[in-house]
Amino acid sequence: MKNLYIAIIASLFLSSCSKSEQNSSSSAGSKTPSTEISQVQEPLKMKNSKGEEISVTYFAQGDAVAVKIQKAGKNEEKLSAKTSNPAGNPIFSNENYMWEMTQEGKGGKLTDKAGNASEYK
């Protein structure tokens, strides 16, 4: 009787192991398209002290945050988050510009590659 219980438990154990292997192999073989939606905020219009206007859009780029900046009459620039300032606000940059977010995203400082900086609000 004792051997019968051991045989039943062993067969149940072995059958449960083979079922999970079948399920994992079938789920790995079929790939479903990603339903992840890109998170994009509404564009913010900001002006500097000279009256120049830019459009700033924060968006998700993978696991990080990035920003699109478009100056009036110029091409859109995509900047990736690189570091943060002492206040903890992110700094975004590419080969042409650096954007330092201020005022909880409602303003910022744009610096070009020549080092010319403008504060936008």
PDB file of N, CA and C in Angstrom:
ATOM      1  N   MET A   1       0.827  -1.188   0.000  1.00  0.00           N
ATOM      2  CA  MET A   1       0.000   0.000   0.000  1.00  0.00           C
ATOM      3  C   MET A   1       0.877   1.260   0.000  1.00  0.00           C
ATOM      4  N   LYS A   2       1.929   1.201   0.813  1.00  0.00           N
ATOM      5  CA  LYS A   2       2.847   2.338   0.897  1.00  0.00           C
ATOM      6  C   LYS A   2       3.510   2.583  -0.456  1.00  0.00           C
ATOM      7  N   ASN A   3       3.884   1.521  -1.142  1.00  0.00           N
ATOM      8  CA  ASN A   3       4.509   1.645  -2.458  1.00  0.00           C
ATOM      9  C   ASN A   3       3.533   2.208  -3.482  1.00  0.00           C
ATOM     10  N   LEU A   4       2.256   1.902  -3.346  1.00  0.00           N
ATOM     11  CA  LEU A   4       1.233   2.419  -4.250  1.00  0.00           C
ATOM     12  C   LEU A   4       1.103   3.937  -4.114  1.00  0.00           C
ATOM     13  N   TYR A   5       1.092   4.439  -2.871  1.00  0.00           N
ATOM     14  CA  TYR A   5       1.021   5.892  -2.645  1.00  0.00           C
ATOM     15  C   TYR A   5       2.254   6.607  -3.206  1.00  0.00           C
ATOM     16  N   ILE A   6       3.403   5.999  -3.015  1.00  0.00           N
ATOM     17  CA  ILE A   6       4.637   6.601  -3.545  1.00  0.00           C
ATOM     18  C   ILE A   6       4.595   6.629  -5.067  1.00  0.00           C
ATOM     19  N   ALA A   7       4.106   5.571  -5.694  1.00  0.00           N
ATOM     20  CA  ALA A   7       4.012   5.510  -7.154  1.00  0.00           C
ATOM     21  C   ALA A   7       3.022   6.548  -7.679  1.00  0.00           C
ATOM     22  N   ILE A   8       1.888   6.735  -6.998  1.00  0.00           N
ATOM     23  CA  ILE A   8       0.887   7.726  -7.423  1.00  0.00           C
ATOM     24  C   ILE A   8       1.437   9.137  -7.291  1.00  0.00           C
ATOM     25  N   ILE A   9       2.077   9.424  -6.179  1.00  0.00           N
ATOM     26  CA  ILE A   9       2.660  10.765  -5.961  1.00  0.00           C
ATOM     27  C   ILE A   9       3.757  11.038  -6.977  1.00  0.00           C
ATOM     28  N   ALA A  10       4.599  10.055  -7.253  1.00  0.00           N
ATOM     29  CA  ALA A  10       5.675  10.228  -8.230  1.00  0.00           C
ATOM     30  C   ALA A  10       5.114  10.483  -9.618  1.00  0.00           C
ATOM     31  N   SER A  11       4.061   9.733 -10.000  1.00  0.00           N
ATOM     32  CA  SER A  11       3.480   9.944 -11.329  1.00  0.00           C
ATOM     33  C   SER A  11       2.803  11.308 -11.434  1.00  0.00           C
ATOM     34  N   LEU A  12       2.146  11.751 -10.369  1.00  0.00           N
ATOM     35  CA  LEU A  12       1.558  13.097 -10.374  1.00  0.00           C
ATOM     36  C   LEU A  12       2.638  14.168 -10.480  1.00  0.00           C
ATOM     37  N   PHE A  13       3.711  13.966  -9.760  1.00  0.00           N
ATOM     38  CA  PHE A  13       4.820  14.920  -9.796  1.00  0.00           C
ATOM     39  C   PHE A  13       5.424  15.003 -11.195  1.00  0.00           C
ATOM     40  N   LEU A  14       5.664  13.852 -11.813  1.00  0.00           N
ATOM     41  CA  LEU A  14       6.249  13.839 -13.146  1.00  0.00           C
ATOM     42  C   LEU A  14       5.302  14.406 -14.192  1.00  0.00           C
ATOM     43  N   SER A  15       4.011  14.144 -14.071  1.00  0.00           N
ATOM     44  CA  SER A  15       3.066  14.677 -15.062  1.00  0.00           C
ATOM     45  C   SER A  15       2.914  16.191 -14.911  1.00  0.00           C
ATOM     46  N   SER A  16       2.990  16.696 -13.691  1.00  0.00           N
ATOM     47  CA  SER A  16       2.887  18.146 -13.520  1.00  0.00           C
ATOM     48  C   SER A  16       4.118  18.863 -14.051  1.00  0.00           C
ATOM     49  N   CYS A  17       5.276  18.235 -13.946  1.00  0.00           N
ATOM     50  CA  CYS A  17       6.493  18.840 -14.493  1.00  0.00           C
ATOM     51  C   CYS A  17       6.424  18.905 -16.003  1.00  0.00           C
ATOM     52  N   SER A  18       5.953  17.876 -16.657  1.00  0.00           N
ATOM     53  CA  SER A  18       5.899  17.880 -18.117  1.00  0.00           C
ATOM     54  C   SER A  18       4.858  18.864 -18.631  1.00  0.00           C
ATOM     55  N   LYS A  19       3.789  19.110 -17.903  1.00  0.00           N
ATOM     56  CA  LYS A  19       2.776  20.073 -18.326  1.00  0.00           C
ATOM     57  C   LYS A  19       3.329  21.487 -18.310  1.00  0.00           C
ATOM     58  N   SER A  20       4.087  21.844 -17.284  1.00  0.00           N
ATOM     59  CA  SER A  20       4.623  23.208 -17.226  1.00  0.00           C
ATOM     60  C   SER A  20       5.664  23.433 -18.307  1.00  0.00           C
ATOM     61  N   GLU A  21       6.403  22.384 -18.689  1.00  0.00           N
ATOM     62  CA  GLU A  21       7.361  22.527 -19.769  1.00  0.00           C
ATOM     63  C   GLU A  21       6.652  22.761 -21.092  1.00  0.00           C
ATOM     64  N   GLN A  22       5.543  22.073 -21.312  1.00  0.00           N
ATOM     65  CA  GLN A  22       4.787  22.268 -22.544  1.00  0.00           C
ATOM     66  C   GLN A  22       4.227  23.679 -22.603  1.00  0.00           C
ATOM     67  N   ASN A  23       3.719  24.188 -21.485  1.00  0.00           N
ATOM     68  CA  ASN A  23       3.160  25.533 -21.459  1.00  0.00           C
ATOM     69  C   ASN A  23       4.229  26.583 -21.678  1.00  0.00           C
ATOM     70  N   SER A  24       5.393  26.416 -21.077  1.00  0.00           N
ATOM     71  CA  SER A  24       6.436  27.428 -21.230  1.00  0.00           C
ATOM     72  C   SER A  24       7.004  27.419 -22.638  1.00  0.00           C
ATOM     73  N   SER A  25       7.112  26.237 -23.266  1.00  0.00           N
ATOM     74  CA  SER A  25       7.650  26.195 -24.624  1.00  0.00           C
ATOM     75  C   SER A  25       6.658  26.771 -25.624  1.00  0.00           C
ATOM     76  N   SER A  26       5.366  26.567 -25.409  1.00  0.00           N
ATOM     77  CA  SER A  26       4.379  27.108 -26.341  1.00  0.00           C
ATOM     78  C   SER A  26       4.250  28.621 -26.184  1.00  0.00           C
ATOM     79  N   SER A  27       4.422  29.142 -24.967  1.00  0.00           N
ATOM     80  CA  SER A  27       4.315  30.591 -24.782  1.00  0.00           C
ATOM     81  C   SER A  27       5.546  31.302 -25.310  1.00  0.00           C
ATOM     82  N   ALA A  28       6.709  30.635 -25.270  1.00  0.00           N
ATOM     83  CA  ALA A  28       7.922  31.260 -25.780  1.00  0.00           C
ATOM     84  C   ALA A  28       7.921  31.286 -27.304  1.00  0.00           C
ATOM     85  N   GLY A  29       7.262  30.326 -27.928  1.00  0.00           N
ATOM     86  CA  GLY A  29       7.247  30.253 -29.379  1.00  0.00           C
ATOM     87  C   GLY A  29       6.338  31.282 -30.017  1.00  0.00           C
ATOM     88  N   SER A  30       5.273  31.676 -29.364  1.00  0.00           N
ATOM     89  CA  SER A  30       4.346  32.634 -29.952  1.00  0.00           C
ATOM     90  C   SER A  30       4.574  34.015 -29.354  1.00  0.00           C
ATOM     91  N   LYS A  31       4.965  34.933 -30.196  1.00  0.00           N
ATOM     92  CA  LYS A  31       5.203  36.299 -29.732  1.00  0.00           C
ATOM     93  C   LYS A  31       4.014  37.169 -30.107  1.00  0.00           C
ATOM     94  N   THR A  32       3.518  37.904 -29.122  1.00  0.00           N
ATOM     95  CA  THR A  32       2.406  38.799 -29.388  1.00  0.00           C
ATOM     96  C   THR A  32       2.949  40.202 -29.587  1.00  0.00           C
ATOM     97  N   PRO A  33       2.342  40.995 -30.431  1.00  0.00           N
ATOM     98  CA  PRO A  33       2.824  42.351 -30.628  1.00  0.00           C
ATOM     99  C   PRO A  33       2.658  43.173 -29.355  1.00  0.00           C
ATOM    100  N   SER A  34       3.587  44.075 -29.155  1.00  0.00           N
ATOM    101  CA  SER A  34       3.572  44.901 -27.953  1.00  0.00           C
ATOM    102  C   SER A  34       2.396  45.870 -27.992  1.00  0.00           C
ATOM    103  N   THR A  35       1.704  45.961 -26.870  1.00  0.00           N
ATOM    104  CA  THR A  35       0.580  46.887 -26.782  1.00  0.00           C
ATOM    105  C   THR A  35       0.959  48.111 -25.971  1.00  0.00           C
ATOM    106  N   GLU A  36       2.276  48.290 -25.770  1.00  0.00           N
ATOM    107  CA  GLU A  36       2.751  49.432 -24.990  1.00  0.00           C
ATOM    108  C   GLU A  36       2.474  50.724 -25.758  1.00  0.00           C
ATOM    109  N   ILE A  37       1.926  51.699 -25.061  1.00  0.00           N
ATOM    110  CA  ILE A  37       1.597  52.985 -25.662  1.00  0.00           C
ATOM    111  C   ILE A  37       2.651  53.993 -25.249  1.00  0.00           C
ATOM    112  N   SER A  38       3.153  54.729 -26.210  1.00  0.00           N
ATOM    113  CA  SER A  38       4.155  55.744 -25.909  1.00  0.00           C
ATOM    114  C   SER A  38       3.503  56.888 -25.137  1.00  0.00           C
ATOM    115  N   GLN A  39       4.133  57.312 -24.082  1.00  0.00           N
ATOM    116  CA  GLN A  39       3.623  58.398 -23.261  1.00  0.00           C
ATOM    117  C   GLN A  39       4.214  59.727 -23.754  1.00  0.00           C
ATOM    118  N   VAL A  40       3.375  60.577 -24.289  1.00  0.00           N
ATOM    119  CA  VAL A  40       3.793  61.873 -24.800  1.00  0.00           C
ATOM    120  C   VAL A  40       2.934  62.941 -24.160  1.00  0.00           C
ATOM    121  N   GLN A  41       3.574  63.958 -23.585  1.00  0.00           N
ATOM    122  CA  GLN A  41       2.828  65.063 -22.996  1.00  0.00           C
ATOM    123  C   GLN A  41       2.470  66.074 -24.075  1.00  0.00           C
ATOM    124  N   GLU A  42       1.528  66.924 -23.743  1.00  0.00           N
ATOM    125  CA  GLU A  42       1.149  68.003 -24.650  1.00  0.00           C
ATOM    126  C   GLU A  42       2.312  68.984 -24.787  1.00  0.00           C
ATOM    127  N   PRO A  43       2.534  69.535 -25.980  1.00  0.00           N
ATOM    128  CA  PRO A  43       3.626  70.499 -26.156  1.00  0.00           C
ATOM    129  C   PRO A  43       3.398  71.768 -25.319  1.00  0.00           C
ATOM    130  N   LEU A  44       4.472  72.268 -24.718  1.00  0.00           N
ATOM    131  CA  LEU A  44       4.425  73.514 -23.957  1.00  0.00           C
ATOM    132  C   LEU A  44       5.057  74.619 -24.786  1.00  0.00           C
ATOM    133  N   LYS A  45       4.398  75.740 -24.888  1.00  0.00           N
ATOM    134  CA  LYS A  45       4.940  76.902 -25.586  1.00  0.00           C
ATOM    135  C   LYS A  45       5.590  77.810 -24.546  1.00  0.00           C
ATOM    136  N   MET A  46       6.850  78.165 -24.769  1.00  0.00           N
ATOM    137  CA  MET A  46       7.582  79.012 -23.838  1.00  0.00           C
ATOM    138  C   MET A  46       8.290  80.123 -24.596  1.00  0.00           C
ATOM    139  N   LYS A  47       8.519  81.239 -23.886  1.00  0.00           N
ATOM    140  CA  LYS A  47       9.226  82.381 -24.473  1.00  0.00           C
ATOM    141  C   LYS A  47      10.377  82.779 -23.563  1.00  0.00           C
ATOM    142  N   ASN A  48      11.426  83.322 -24.200  1.00  0.00           N
ATOM    143  CA  ASN A  48      12.531  83.857 -23.414  1.00  0.00           C
ATOM    144  C   ASN A  48      12.395  85.375 -23.322  1.00  0.00           C
ATOM    145  N   SER A  49      13.365  86.034 -22.711  1.00  0.00           N
ATOM    146  CA  SER A  49      13.294  87.483 -22.505  1.00  0.00           C
ATOM    147  C   SER A  49      13.366  88.259 -23.821  1.00  0.00           C
ATOM    148  N   LYS A  50      13.889  87.645 -24.890  1.00  0.00           N
ATOM    149  CA  LYS A  50      13.966  88.298 -26.205  1.00  0.00           C
ATOM    150  C   LYS A  50      12.686  88.116 -27.010  1.00  0.00           C
ATOM    151  N   GLY A  51      11.738  87.325 -26.500  1.00  0.00           N
ATOM    152  CA  GLY A  51      10.486  87.084 -27.206  1.00  0.00           C
ATOM    153  C   GLY A  51      10.534  85.893 -28.139  1.00  0.00           C
ATOM    154  N   GLU A  52      11.661  85.158 -28.167  1.00  0.00           N
ATOM    155  CA  GLU A  52      11.759  83.966 -28.998  1.00  0.00           C
ATOM    156  C   GLU A  52      10.920  82.855 -28.375  1.00  0.00           C
ATOM    157  N   GLU A  53      10.199  82.130 -29.223  1.00  0.00           N
ATOM    158  CA  GLU A  53       9.294  81.085 -28.739  1.00  0.00           C
ATOM    159  C   GLU A  53       9.811  79.708 -29.126  1.00  0.00           C
ATOM    160  N   ILE A  54       9.647  78.754 -28.188  1.00  0.00           N
ATOM    161  CA  ILE A  54       9.965  77.364 -28.474  1.00  0.00           C
ATOM    162  C   ILE A  54       8.796  76.491 -28.030  1.00  0.00           C
ATOM    163  N   SER A  55       8.748  75.306 -28.608  1.00  0.00           N
ATOM    164  CA  SER A  55       7.774  74.300 -28.222  1.00  0.00           C
ATOM    165  C   SER A  55       8.542  73.150 -27.585  1.00  0.00           C
ATOM    166  N   VAL A  56       8.137  72.761 -26.371  1.00  0.00           N
ATOM    167  CA  VAL A  56       8.820  71.707 -25.625  1.00  0.00           C
ATOM    168  C   VAL A  56       7.830  70.576 -25.364  1.00  0.00           C
ATOM    169  N   THR A  57       8.206  69.351 -25.743  1.00  0.00           N
ATOM    170  CA  THR A  57       7.361  68.176 -25.543  1.00  0.00           C
ATOM    171  C   THR A  57       8.171  67.105 -24.830  1.00  0.00           C
ATOM    172  N   TYR A  58       7.726  66.705 -23.645  1.00  0.00           N
ATOM    173  CA  TYR A  58       8.361  65.619 -22.911  1.00  0.00           C
ATOM    174  C   TYR A  58       7.691  64.309 -23.311  1.00  0.00           C
ATOM    175  N   PHE A  59       8.488  63.251 -23.492  1.00  0.00           N
ATOM    176  CA  PHE A  59       7.938  61.962 -23.891  1.00  0.00           C
ATOM    177  C   PHE A  59       8.805  60.823 -23.368  1.00  0.00           C
ATOM    178  N   ALA A  60       8.228  59.630 -23.353  1.00  0.00           N
ATOM    179  CA  ALA A  60       8.960  58.439 -22.911  1.00  0.00           C
ATOM    180  C   ALA A  60       9.745  57.877 -24.081  1.00  0.00           C
ATOM    181  N   GLN A  61      11.005  57.583 -23.813  1.00  0.00           N
ATOM    182  CA  GLN A  61      11.872  56.964 -24.814  1.00  0.00           C
ATOM    183  C   GLN A  61      12.451  55.706 -24.159  1.00  0.00           C
ATOM    184  N   GLY A  62      11.758  54.604 -24.336  1.00  0.00           N
ATOM    185  CA  GLY A  62      12.132  53.381 -23.630  1.00  0.00           C
ATOM    186  C   GLY A  62      11.808  53.544 -22.154  1.00  0.00           C
ATOM    187  N   ASP A  63      12.793  53.320 -21.304  1.00  0.00           N
ATOM    188  CA  ASP A  63      12.603  53.476 -19.864  1.00  0.00           C
ATOM    189  C   ASP A  63      12.949  54.877 -19.381  1.00  0.00           C
ATOM    190  N   ALA A  64      13.437  55.714 -20.262  1.00  0.00           N
ATOM    191  CA  ALA A  64      13.875  57.058 -19.870  1.00  0.00           C
ATOM    192  C   ALA A  64      12.928  58.121 -20.430  1.00  0.00           C
ATOM    193  N   VAL A  65      13.119  59.335 -19.967  1.00  0.00           N
ATOM    194  CA  VAL A  65      12.358  60.481 -20.455  1.00  0.00           C
ATOM    195  C   VAL A  65      13.228  61.251 -21.437  1.00  0.00           C
ATOM    196  N   ALA A  66      12.630  61.757 -22.475  1.00  0.00           N
ATOM    197  CA  ALA A  66      13.331  62.567 -23.465  1.00  0.00           C
ATOM    198  C   ALA A  66      12.483  63.806 -23.739  1.00  0.00           C
ATOM    199  N   VAL A  67      13.028  64.723 -24.529  1.00  0.00           N
ATOM    200  CA  VAL A  67      12.319  65.965 -24.833  1.00  0.00           C
ATOM    201  C   VAL A  67      12.530  66.315 -26.306  1.00  0.00           C
ATOM    202  N   LYS A  68      11.462  66.844 -26.916  1.00  0.00           N
ATOM    203  CA  LYS A  68      11.535  67.387 -28.275  1.00  0.00           C
ATOM    204  C   LYS A  68      11.455  68.899 -28.136  1.00  0.00           C
ATOM    205  N   ILE A  69      12.383  69.596 -28.752  1.00  0.00           N
ATOM    206  CA  ILE A  69      12.387  71.057 -28.714  1.00  0.00           C
ATOM    207  C   ILE A  69      12.372  71.570 -30.145  1.00  0.00           C
ATOM    208  N   GLN A  70      11.445  72.505 -30.399  1.00  0.00           N
ATOM    209  CA  GLN A  70      11.381  73.103 -31.724  1.00  0.00           C
ATOM    210  C   GLN A  70      11.345  74.608 -31.579  1.00  0.00           C
ATOM    211  N   LYS A  71      12.397  75.251 -32.083  1.00  0.00           N
ATOM    212  CA  LYS A  71      12.432  76.708 -32.107  1.00  0.00           C
ATOM    213  C   LYS A  71      11.646  77.171 -33.330  1.00  0.00           C
ATOM    214  N   ALA A  72      11.092  78.355 -33.257  1.00  0.00           N
ATOM    215  CA  ALA A  72      10.291  78.898 -34.359  1.00  0.00           C
ATOM    216  C   ALA A  72      11.126  78.940 -35.637  1.00  0.00           C
ATOM    217  N   GLY A  73      10.611  78.292 -36.689  1.00  0.00           N
ATOM    218  CA  GLY A  73      11.273  78.309 -37.987  1.00  0.00           C
ATOM    219  C   GLY A  73      12.442  77.354 -38.114  1.00  0.00           C
ATOM    220  N   LYS A  74      12.686  76.498 -37.144  1.00  0.00           N
ATOM    221  CA  LYS A  74      13.806  75.553 -37.212  1.00  0.00           C
ATOM    222  C   LYS A  74      13.291  74.131 -37.063  1.00  0.00           C
ATOM    223  N   ASN A  75      14.158  73.167 -37.363  1.00  0.00           N
ATOM    224  CA  ASN A  75      13.802  71.754 -37.257  1.00  0.00           C
ATOM    225  C   ASN A  75      13.668  71.324 -35.799  1.00  0.00           C
ATOM    226  N   GLU A  76      12.866  70.292 -35.592  1.00  0.00           N
ATOM    227  CA  GLU A  76      12.679  69.736 -34.258  1.00  0.00           C
ATOM    228  C   GLU A  76      13.942  68.982 -33.832  1.00  0.00           C
ATOM    229  N   GLU A  77      14.326  69.152 -32.573  1.00  0.00           N
ATOM    230  CA  GLU A  77      15.499  68.469 -32.004  1.00  0.00           C
ATOM    231  C   GLU A  77      15.031  67.517 -30.914  1.00  0.00           C
ATOM    232  N   LYS A  78      15.523  66.281 -30.925  1.00  0.00           N
ATOM    233  CA  LYS A  78      15.218  65.313 -29.867  1.00  0.00           C
ATOM    234  C   LYS A  78      16.429  65.236 -28.954  1.00  0.00           C
ATOM    235  N   LEU A  79      16.183  65.441 -27.658  1.00  0.00           N
ATOM    236  CA  LEU A  79      17.244  65.414 -26.667  1.00  0.00           C
ATOM    237  C   LEU A  79      16.979  64.293 -25.670  1.00  0.00           C
ATOM    238  N   SER A  80      17.997  63.569 -25.303  1.00  0.00           N
ATOM    239  CA  SER A  80      17.879  62.461 -24.350  1.00  0.00           C
ATOM    240  C   SER A  80      18.349  62.902 -22.976  1.00  0.00           C
ATOM    241  N   ALA A  81      17.764  62.310 -21.940  1.00  0.00           N
ATOM    242  CA  ALA A  81      18.171  62.616 -20.562  1.00  0.00           C
ATOM    243  C   ALA A  81      19.577  62.083 -20.339  1.00  0.00           C
ATOM    244  N   LYS A  82      20.457  62.937 -19.801  1.00  0.00           N
ATOM    245  CA  LYS A  82      21.844  62.549 -19.567  1.00  0.00           C
ATOM    246  C   LYS A  82      22.191  62.529 -18.088  1.00  0.00           C
ATOM    247  N   THR A  83      21.773  63.565 -17.356  1.00  0.00           N
ATOM    248  CA  THR A  83      22.124  63.701 -15.941  1.00  0.00           C
ATOM    249  C   THR A  83      21.083  64.579 -15.271  1.00  0.00           C
ATOM    250  N   SER A  84      21.377  65.059 -14.078  1.00  0.00           N
ATOM    251  CA  SER A  84      20.461  65.981 -13.397  1.00  0.00           C
ATOM    252  C   SER A  84      21.265  67.092 -12.752  1.00  0.00           C
ATOM    253  N   ASN A  85      20.600  68.226 -12.521  1.00  0.00           N
ATOM    254  CA  ASN A  85      21.256  69.367 -11.883  1.00  0.00           C
ATOM    255  C   ASN A  85      21.214  69.200 -10.361  1.00  0.00           C
ATOM    256  N   PRO A  86      21.846  70.077  -9.600  1.00  0.00           N
ATOM    257  CA  PRO A  86      21.840  69.934  -8.136  1.00  0.00           C
ATOM    258  C   PRO A  86      20.443  69.953  -7.511  1.00  0.00           C
ATOM    259  N   ALA A  87      19.472  70.572  -8.178  1.00  0.00           N
ATOM    260  CA  ALA A  87      18.101  70.602  -7.667  1.00  0.00           C
ATOM    261  C   ALA A  87      17.357  69.299  -7.972  1.00  0.00           C
ATOM    262  N   GLY A  88      17.963  68.398  -8.751  1.00  0.00           N
ATOM    263  CA  GLY A  88      17.339  67.123  -9.079  1.00  0.00           C
ATOM    264  C   GLY A  88      16.567  67.125 -10.374  1.00  0.00           C
ATOM    265  N   ASN A  89      16.548  68.245 -11.087  1.00  0.00           N
ATOM    266  CA  ASN A  89      15.847  68.320 -12.370  1.00  0.00           C
ATOM    267  C   ASN A  89      16.722  67.719 -13.468  1.00  0.00           C
ATOM    268  N   PRO A  90      16.112  66.992 -14.420  1.00  0.00           N
ATOM    269  CA  PRO A  90      16.910  66.354 -15.467  1.00  0.00           C
ATOM    270  C   PRO A  90      17.500  67.351 -16.453  1.00  0.00           C
ATOM    271  N   ILE A  91      18.617  66.941 -17.034  1.00  0.00           N
ATOM    272  CA  ILE A  91      19.283  67.694 -18.093  1.00  0.00           C
ATOM    273  C   ILE A  91      19.289  66.808 -19.327  1.00  0.00           C
ATOM    274  N   PHE A  92      18.761  67.335 -20.435  1.00  0.00           N
ATOM    275  CA  PHE A  92      18.659  66.618 -21.694  1.00  0.00           C
ATOM    276  C   PHE A  92      19.653  67.232 -22.674  1.00  0.00           C
ATOM    277  N   SER A  93      20.228  66.405 -23.549  1.00  0.00           N
ATOM    278  CA  SER A  93      21.152  66.964 -24.528  1.00  0.00           C
ATOM    279  C   SER A  93      21.250  66.078 -25.765  1.00  0.00           C
ATOM    280  N   ASN A  94      21.734  66.701 -26.835  1.00  0.00           N
ATOM    281  CA  ASN A  94      22.151  66.007 -28.044  1.00  0.00           C
ATOM    282  C   ASN A  94      23.399  66.737 -28.536  1.00  0.00           C
ATOM    283  N   GLU A  95      23.789  66.556 -29.783  1.00  0.00           N
ATOM    284  CA  GLU A  95      25.021  67.186 -30.266  1.00  0.00           C
ATOM    285  C   GLU A  95      24.874  68.693 -30.489  1.00  0.00           C
ATOM    286  N   ASN A  96      23.646  69.221 -30.531  1.00  0.00           N
ATOM    287  CA  ASN A  96      23.440  70.643 -30.809  1.00  0.00           C
ATOM    288  C   ASN A  96      22.976  71.467 -29.611  1.00  0.00           C
ATOM    289  N   TYR A  97      22.180  70.875 -28.720  1.00  0.00           N
ATOM    290  CA  TYR A  97      21.560  71.637 -27.634  1.00  0.00           C
ATOM    291  C   TYR A  97      21.625  70.900 -26.302  1.00  0.00           C
ATOM    292  N   MET A  98      21.452  71.686 -25.232  1.00  0.00           N
ATOM    293  CA  MET A  98      21.272  71.137 -23.893  1.00  0.00           C
ATOM    294  C   MET A  98      20.080  71.848 -23.271  1.00  0.00           C
ATOM    295  N   TRP A  99      19.128  71.085 -22.712  1.00  0.00           N
ATOM    296  CA  TRP A  99      17.927  71.630 -22.079  1.00  0.00           C
ATOM    297  C   TRP A  99      17.947  71.243 -20.611  1.00  0.00           C
ATOM    298  N   GLU A 100      17.943  72.244 -19.741  1.00  0.00           N
ATOM    299  CA  GLU A 100      17.904  72.010 -18.301  1.00  0.00           C
ATOM    300  C   GLU A 100      16.526  72.401 -17.807  1.00  0.00           C
ATOM    301  N   MET A 101      15.756  71.421 -17.381  1.00  0.00           N
ATOM    302  CA  MET A 101      14.385  71.663 -16.944  1.00  0.00           C
ATOM    303  C   MET A 101      14.382  72.418 -15.615  1.00  0.00           C
ATOM    304  N   THR A 102      13.500  73.414 -15.499  1.00  0.00           N
ATOM    305  CA  THR A 102      13.318  74.170 -14.261  1.00  0.00           C
ATOM    306  C   THR A 102      11.823  74.300 -13.989  1.00  0.00           C
ATOM    307  N   GLN A 103      11.464  74.761 -12.828  1.00  0.00           N
ATOM    308  CA  GLN A 103      10.073  75.055 -12.453  1.00  0.00           C
ATOM    309  C   GLN A 103       9.151  73.869 -12.717  1.00  0.00           C
ATOM    310  N   GLU A 104       9.587  72.666 -12.326  1.00  0.00           N
ATOM    311  CA  GLU A 104       8.766  71.455 -12.467  1.00  0.00           C
ATOM    312  C   GLU A 104       8.292  71.230 -13.905  1.00  0.00           C
ATOM    313  N   GLY A 105       9.132  71.523 -14.872  1.00  0.00           N
ATOM    314  CA  GLY A 105       8.797  71.297 -16.266  1.00  0.00           C
ATOM    315  C   GLY A 105       8.107  72.458 -16.948  1.00  0.00           C
ATOM    316  N   LYS A 106       7.813  73.518 -16.232  1.00  0.00           N
ATOM    317  CA  LYS A 106       7.113  74.675 -16.807  1.00  0.00           C
ATOM    318  C   LYS A 106       8.082  75.701 -17.376  1.00  0.00           C
ATOM    319  N   GLY A 107       9.370  75.452 -17.263  1.00  0.00           N
ATOM    320  CA  GLY A 107      10.387  76.355 -17.782  1.00  0.00           C
ATOM    321  C   GLY A 107      11.682  75.592 -17.958  1.00  0.00           C
ATOM    322  N   GLY A 108      12.692  76.289 -18.478  1.00  0.00           N
ATOM    323  CA  GLY A 108      13.976  75.641 -18.657  1.00  0.00           C
ATOM    324  C   GLY A 108      14.995  76.571 -19.270  1.00  0.00           C
ATOM    325  N   LYS A 109      16.226  76.069 -19.309  1.00  0.00           N
ATOM    326  CA  LYS A 109      17.328  76.831 -19.879  1.00  0.00           C
ATOM    327  C   LYS A 109      17.865  76.054 -21.069  1.00  0.00           C
ATOM    328  N   LEU A 110      17.867  76.684 -22.230  1.00  0.00           N
ATOM    329  CA  LEU A 110      18.355  76.080 -23.465  1.00  0.00           C
ATOM    330  C   LEU A 110      19.722  76.647 -23.782  1.00  0.00           C
ATOM    331  N   THR A 111      20.697  75.761 -23.981  1.00  0.00           N
ATOM    332  CA  THR A 111      22.057  76.172 -24.310  1.00  0.00           C
ATOM    333  C   THR A 111      22.437  75.517 -25.626  1.00  0.00           C
ATOM    334  N   ASP A 112      22.969  76.316 -26.572  1.00  0.00           N
ATOM    335  CA  ASP A 112      23.407  75.734 -27.833  1.00  0.00           C
ATOM    336  C   ASP A 112      24.860  75.295 -27.717  1.00  0.00           C
ATOM    337  N   LYS A 113      25.395  74.687 -28.809  1.00  0.00           N
ATOM    338  CA  LYS A 113      26.761  74.141 -28.716  1.00  0.00           C
ATOM    339  C   LYS A 113      27.821  75.223 -28.646  1.00  0.00           C
ATOM    340  N   ALA A 114      27.457  76.463 -28.957  1.00  0.00           N
ATOM    341  CA  ALA A 114      28.399  77.587 -28.817  1.00  0.00           C
ATOM    342  C   ALA A 114      28.438  78.117 -27.386  1.00  0.00           C
ATOM    343  N   GLY A 115      27.532  77.632 -26.525  1.00  0.00           N
ATOM    344  CA  GLY A 115      27.493  78.071 -25.134  1.00  0.00           C
ATOM    345  C   GLY A 115      26.534  79.206 -24.859  1.00  0.00           C
ATOM    346  N   ASN A 116      25.737  79.604 -25.845  1.00  0.00           N
ATOM    347  CA  ASN A 116      24.747  80.665 -25.658  1.00  0.00           C
ATOM    348  C   ASN A 116      23.522  80.097 -24.957  1.00  0.00           C
ATOM    349  N   ALA A 117      23.176  80.652 -23.795  1.00  0.00           N
ATOM    350  CA  ALA A 117      22.058  80.135 -22.994  1.00  0.00           C
ATOM    351  C   ALA A 117      20.913  81.115 -22.965  1.00  0.00           C
ATOM    352  N   SER A 118      19.694  80.606 -22.948  1.00  0.00           N
ATOM    353  CA  SER A 118      18.484  81.412 -22.838  1.00  0.00           C
ATOM    354  C   SER A 118      17.535  80.730 -21.859  1.00  0.00           C
ATOM    355  N   GLU A 119      16.945  81.533 -20.964  1.00  0.00           N
ATOM    356  CA  GLU A 119      15.976  81.033 -19.994  1.00  0.00           C
ATOM    357  C   GLU A 119      14.579  81.171 -20.593  1.00  0.00           C
ATOM    358  N   TYR A 120      13.838  80.079 -20.627  1.00  0.00           N
ATOM    359  CA  TYR A 120      12.466  80.083 -21.181  1.00  0.00           C
ATOM    360  C   TYR A 120      11.475  79.823 -20.057  1.00  0.00           C
ATOM    361  N   LYS A 121      10.346  80.556 -20.126  1.00  0.00           N
ATOM    362  CA  LYS A 121       9.273  80.400 -19.147  1.00  0.00           C
ATOM    363  C   LYS A 121       7.948  80.348 -19.851  1.00  0.00           C
TER     364      LYS A 121
END
